[in-house]
Protein backbone atom coordinates (compact mmCIF):
# COMPACT_ATOMS: atom_id res chain seq x y z
CA MET A 1 16.54 -6.38 -28.39
CA THR A 2 12.80 -5.63 -28.21
CA ILE A 3 11.49 -4.05 -25.01
CA THR A 4 7.82 -4.23 -24.07
CA VAL A 5 6.63 -1.01 -22.45
CA ILE A 6 3.14 -1.26 -20.99
CA GLY A 7 2.27 -0.55 -17.39
CA PHE A 8 0.03 0.94 -14.75
CA THR A 9 -0.01 4.66 -14.09
CA ASN A 10 -2.75 4.79 -11.42
CA ALA A 11 -5.18 2.82 -9.27
CA SER A 12 -7.88 4.39 -7.12
CA VAL A 13 -10.97 3.73 -5.03
CA GLY A 14 -13.71 6.36 -5.13
CA MET A 15 -17.42 6.73 -4.45
CA GLN A 16 -19.58 5.84 -7.46
CA MET A 17 -20.56 8.93 -9.42
CA LYS A 18 -23.15 8.87 -12.20
CA GLY A 19 -21.51 9.21 -15.62
CA PHE A 20 -17.97 8.57 -14.35
CA PRO A 21 -15.50 7.53 -15.56
CA CYS A 22 -15.72 9.17 -18.98
CA MET A 23 -13.43 10.61 -21.62
CA GLY A 24 -13.14 14.40 -21.56
CA GLY A 25 -14.89 16.11 -24.42
CA THR A 26 -17.50 13.38 -24.95
CA THR A 27 -21.21 14.08 -24.64
CA GLY A 28 -22.37 13.95 -21.04
CA CYS A 29 -18.89 13.99 -19.51
CA ALA A 30 -18.41 16.55 -16.74
CA ASP A 31 -14.97 17.41 -18.12
CA GLN A 32 -15.23 18.81 -21.63
CA THR A 33 -11.46 19.03 -22.15
CA PRO A 34 -10.52 16.61 -24.96
CA GLY A 35 -7.83 14.09 -24.03
CA THR A 36 -8.66 13.97 -20.32
CA ILE A 37 -10.27 11.25 -18.24
CA ALA A 38 -12.89 12.19 -15.63
CA LEU A 39 -12.80 9.75 -12.70
CA SER A 40 -14.66 9.41 -9.43
CA ALA A 41 -12.54 11.18 -6.82
CA PRO A 42 -10.01 8.87 -5.13
CA MET A 43 -10.82 8.47 -1.45
CA ALA A 44 -8.51 7.80 1.50
CA VAL A 45 -11.48 6.59 3.58
CA VAL A 46 -14.51 4.69 2.24
CA MET A 47 -17.58 3.56 4.17
CA LYS A 48 -18.41 -0.16 4.31
CA GLY A 49 -21.50 -1.02 2.32
CA SER A 50 -21.07 2.01 0.08
CA LYS A 51 -21.04 1.91 -3.72
CA VAL A 52 -17.49 2.42 -4.93
CA THR A 53 -15.60 2.46 -8.22
CA TYR A 54 -12.18 0.87 -8.58
CA THR A 55 -10.35 2.57 -11.44
CA PHE A 56 -7.13 1.48 -13.09
CA GLU A 57 -5.16 3.44 -15.67
CA PHE A 58 -2.30 2.12 -17.76
CA GLU A 59 -0.25 3.23 -20.72
CA ASP A 60 0.78 1.06 -23.63
CA VAL A 61 3.85 2.38 -25.40
CA SER A 62 4.98 -0.58 -27.50
CA TYR A 63 2.78 -3.67 -27.11
CA THR A 64 0.05 -4.88 -29.48
CA GLY A 65 -1.79 -8.08 -28.66
CA PRO A 66 -4.05 -9.78 -26.11
CA CYS A 67 -4.24 -8.17 -22.68
CA SER A 68 -6.27 -8.47 -19.50
CA LEU A 69 -6.63 -6.81 -16.13
CA SER A 70 -7.43 -8.50 -12.81
CA PHE A 71 -7.91 -7.01 -9.37
CA VAL A 72 -8.22 -8.16 -5.81
CA LEU A 73 -9.20 -6.11 -2.76
CA VAL A 74 -7.68 -7.41 0.47
CA ASP A 75 -7.42 -6.57 4.13
CA GLY A 76 -4.28 -8.39 5.20
CA ALA A 77 -4.84 -12.00 4.11
CA THR A 78 -8.62 -11.58 3.85
CA LYS A 79 -9.95 -11.22 0.30
CA LEU A 80 -12.83 -8.71 0.20
CA ASP A 81 -13.46 -8.58 -3.55
CA ALA A 82 -11.96 -9.65 -6.90
CA GLY A 83 -12.62 -9.26 -10.62
CA HIS A 84 -11.18 -9.70 -14.11
CA TYR A 85 -11.54 -8.11 -17.54
CA ASP A 86 -10.24 -9.28 -20.91
CA PHE A 87 -9.89 -6.39 -23.37
CA PRO A 88 -11.91 -7.73 -26.36
CA ALA A 89 -9.70 -6.15 -29.03
CA GLY A 90 -6.52 -6.59 -26.99
CA CYS A 91 -4.16 -3.69 -26.41
CA THR A 92 -2.58 -1.45 -29.02
CA ALA A 93 0.73 0.40 -28.84
CA ASN A 94 0.62 4.18 -28.23
CA THR A 95 -2.68 4.04 -26.33
CA ALA A 96 -3.75 4.98 -22.81
CA TYR A 97 -6.39 2.78 -21.17
CA PHE A 98 -8.58 2.85 -18.13
CA ALA A 99 -10.84 0.22 -16.66
CA SER A 100 -13.38 0.72 -13.90
CA PHE A 101 -15.35 -1.67 -11.74
CA ASP A 102 -18.50 -0.51 -9.91
CA ARG A 103 -18.85 -2.52 -6.72
CA VAL A 104 -20.23 -2.45 -3.17
CA LEU A 105 -17.52 -2.45 -0.49
CA ARG A 106 -18.23 -5.40 1.79
CA SER A 107 -16.39 -6.55 4.89
CA LYS A 108 -17.31 -8.37 8.10
CA MET A 109 -14.69 -6.33 9.98
CA LYS A 110 -15.69 -3.02 11.60
CA MET A 111 -12.84 -1.11 10.00
CA GLY A 112 -9.50 -1.71 8.41
CA ILE A 113 -6.84 -0.83 5.89
CA GLY A 114 -7.68 -2.27 2.51
CA THR A 115 -5.35 -2.67 -0.45
CA LEU A 116 -6.58 -2.59 -4.02
CA LYS A 117 -4.18 -4.67 -6.12
CA GLY A 118 -4.21 -4.64 -9.90
CA SER A 119 -2.51 -7.11 -12.25
CA LEU A 120 -2.02 -6.41 -15.93
CA LYS A 121 -1.13 -9.19 -18.37
CA ALA A 122 -0.02 -8.32 -21.90
CA GLY A 123 1.25 -11.40 -23.71
CA THR A 124 4.10 -12.68 -21.53
CA TYR A 125 4.59 -9.27 -19.86
CA LYS A 126 3.01 -8.59 -16.45
CA ASP A 127 2.70 -5.46 -14.31
CA ALA A 128 1.19 -4.84 -10.88
CA ILE A 129 -0.01 -1.90 -8.78
CA ALA A 130 -1.30 -1.54 -5.22
CA GLN A 131 -3.22 1.29 -3.55
CA ASN A 132 -4.06 1.40 0.17
CA PHE A 133 -7.13 3.05 1.71
CA CYS A 134 -9.04 2.97 4.97
CA TYR A 135 -12.60 1.69 5.32
CA MET A 136 -15.05 2.04 8.21
């Protein structure tokens, strides 16, 4: 029996920060510790109209092949934002990945509880993650 092990480890919404995300130890990265990932700080509350970064992290233990990541930002049944990314070289076993999307948080509502939902597709395997936050 072959088991596919690939899945999300984190999803976050943070204010856009120049140079983030980046791999620790690379030129220009604020974190010079090799093997780390420097991300914009996750926020519990984000201001409408502000520039934000949605970041997703996932770990691939045993899958090699095509993979893609999609996201949707919702407030209840109202879709606020959505996006998709196909990894050009696919995914490779024994690798950690992160994907980030720089966006502007838009909503016609004064305030609310948003949910950032991520969907990972790796061949026939699928994984999902959701992270709530407040916006004003």
